[in-house]
Amino acid sequence: MKPKSRMWIDARKEGFQPANVKKETYIIEGIKNEEIKKKLWEAIGFQVLSIEVLPDNSGKVTVTYNDTIISPRFMDYRLHLKGISYKREGD
């Protein structure tokens, strides 16, 4: 049996880089529906930092993301694949 060797990765100096963090606001009709929330999470939940549904009834959703991981265009593509009708604020 061969001896096992351990490798240590020192990532203490690898900080979170807030310069790459951006926010995008989507207007999604019916976002209060649990099924649409689930589809939204399945579409982009694993690639973004946070998804915040605004408490007013405007249907606005703020997505915080790292632009080195995912782009707004790719988020649009993923939402389209899941069949979520949306509009990006500012478009």
Protein backbone atom coordinates (compact mmCIF):
# COMPACT_ATOMS: atom_id res chain seq x y z
CA MET A 1 0.00 0.00 0.00
CA LYS A 2 1.41 3.37 -1.01
CA PRO A 3 1.62 6.13 1.56
CA LYS A 4 -0.90 8.89 1.06
CA SER A 5 0.28 12.41 0.60
CA ARG A 6 -1.74 15.47 1.34
CA MET A 7 -1.73 18.62 -0.65
CA TRP A 8 -2.73 21.90 0.95
CA ILE A 9 -4.06 24.79 -1.08
CA ASP A 10 -3.57 28.14 0.56
CA ALA A 11 -6.35 30.44 -0.62
CA ARG A 12 -6.35 32.85 2.29
CA LYS A 13 -5.14 35.71 0.13
CA GLU A 14 -7.60 35.00 -2.66
CA GLY A 15 -10.20 37.54 -1.53
CA PHE A 16 -13.62 38.15 -2.93
CA GLN A 17 -13.25 40.82 -5.58
CA PRO A 18 -16.19 43.21 -5.29
CA ALA A 19 -15.12 45.10 -8.41
CA ASN A 20 -16.59 42.27 -10.48
CA VAL A 21 -19.97 42.29 -8.71
CA LYS A 22 -22.84 43.88 -10.60
CA LYS A 23 -26.62 44.09 -10.26
CA GLU A 24 -29.32 43.64 -12.83
CA THR A 25 -33.04 44.26 -12.28
CA TYR A 26 -35.64 42.16 -14.06
CA ILE A 27 -39.38 42.72 -14.19
CA ILE A 28 -41.08 39.32 -14.10
CA GLU A 29 -44.86 39.11 -14.10
CA GLY A 30 -46.21 36.67 -11.54
CA ILE A 31 -42.97 36.39 -9.55
CA LYS A 32 -45.04 35.85 -6.37
CA ASN A 33 -45.97 32.43 -7.76
CA GLU A 34 -43.82 29.68 -6.21
CA GLU A 35 -43.52 27.82 -9.52
CA ILE A 36 -41.99 30.86 -11.25
CA LYS A 37 -39.62 31.39 -8.32
CA LYS A 38 -38.51 27.77 -8.63
CA LYS A 39 -37.94 28.13 -12.39
CA LEU A 40 -35.95 31.32 -11.77
CA TRP A 41 -33.74 29.55 -9.24
CA GLU A 42 -33.25 26.57 -11.57
CA ALA A 43 -32.33 28.88 -14.44
CA ILE A 44 -29.72 31.13 -12.83
CA GLY A 45 -29.60 30.39 -9.11
CA PHE A 46 -26.34 28.47 -9.12
CA GLN A 47 -24.38 31.05 -11.09
CA VAL A 48 -25.43 34.23 -9.28
CA LEU A 49 -24.62 35.58 -5.83
CA SER A 50 -28.16 36.53 -4.83
CA ILE A 51 -31.71 36.81 -6.14
CA GLU A 52 -33.92 39.31 -4.35
CA VAL A 53 -37.64 39.67 -5.01
CA LEU A 54 -38.63 43.21 -4.10
CA PRO A 55 -41.49 43.32 -1.58
CA ASP A 56 -43.71 45.71 -3.51
CA ASN A 57 -46.06 44.27 -6.14
CA SER A 58 -44.06 45.61 -9.09
CA GLY A 59 -42.67 42.20 -10.02
CA LYS A 60 -39.09 43.44 -9.79
CA VAL A 61 -36.27 41.01 -9.11
CA THR A 62 -32.73 42.19 -8.37
CA VAL A 63 -29.99 39.76 -9.34
CA THR A 64 -26.48 40.24 -7.96
CA TYR A 65 -23.84 38.44 -10.01
CA ASN A 66 -20.13 38.24 -10.66
CA ASP A 67 -19.51 39.32 -14.24
CA THR A 68 -16.59 36.92 -14.65
CA ILE A 69 -18.95 33.98 -14.05
CA ILE A 70 -22.16 34.94 -15.86
CA SER A 71 -23.29 37.77 -18.12
CA PRO A 72 -26.71 39.43 -18.38
CA ARG A 73 -27.05 38.06 -21.89
CA PHE A 74 -26.53 34.50 -20.65
CA MET A 75 -29.03 35.07 -17.83
CA ASP A 76 -31.54 36.20 -20.48
CA TYR A 77 -30.84 33.03 -22.44
CA ARG A 78 -31.35 30.81 -19.37
CA LEU A 79 -34.62 32.56 -18.47
CA HIS A 80 -35.83 32.15 -22.03
CA LEU A 81 -35.03 28.42 -21.93
CA LYS A 82 -37.12 28.01 -18.77
CA GLY A 83 -40.04 29.87 -20.36
CA ILE A 84 -39.99 32.83 -17.99
CA SER A 85 -41.32 36.02 -19.54
CA TYR A 86 -39.28 38.98 -18.34
CA LYS A 87 -38.13 42.46 -19.16
CA ARG A 88 -34.82 43.92 -18.06
CA GLU A 89 -35.18 47.28 -16.36
CA GLY A 90 -33.66 49.96 -18.56
CA ASP A 91 -34.30 48.16 -21.85
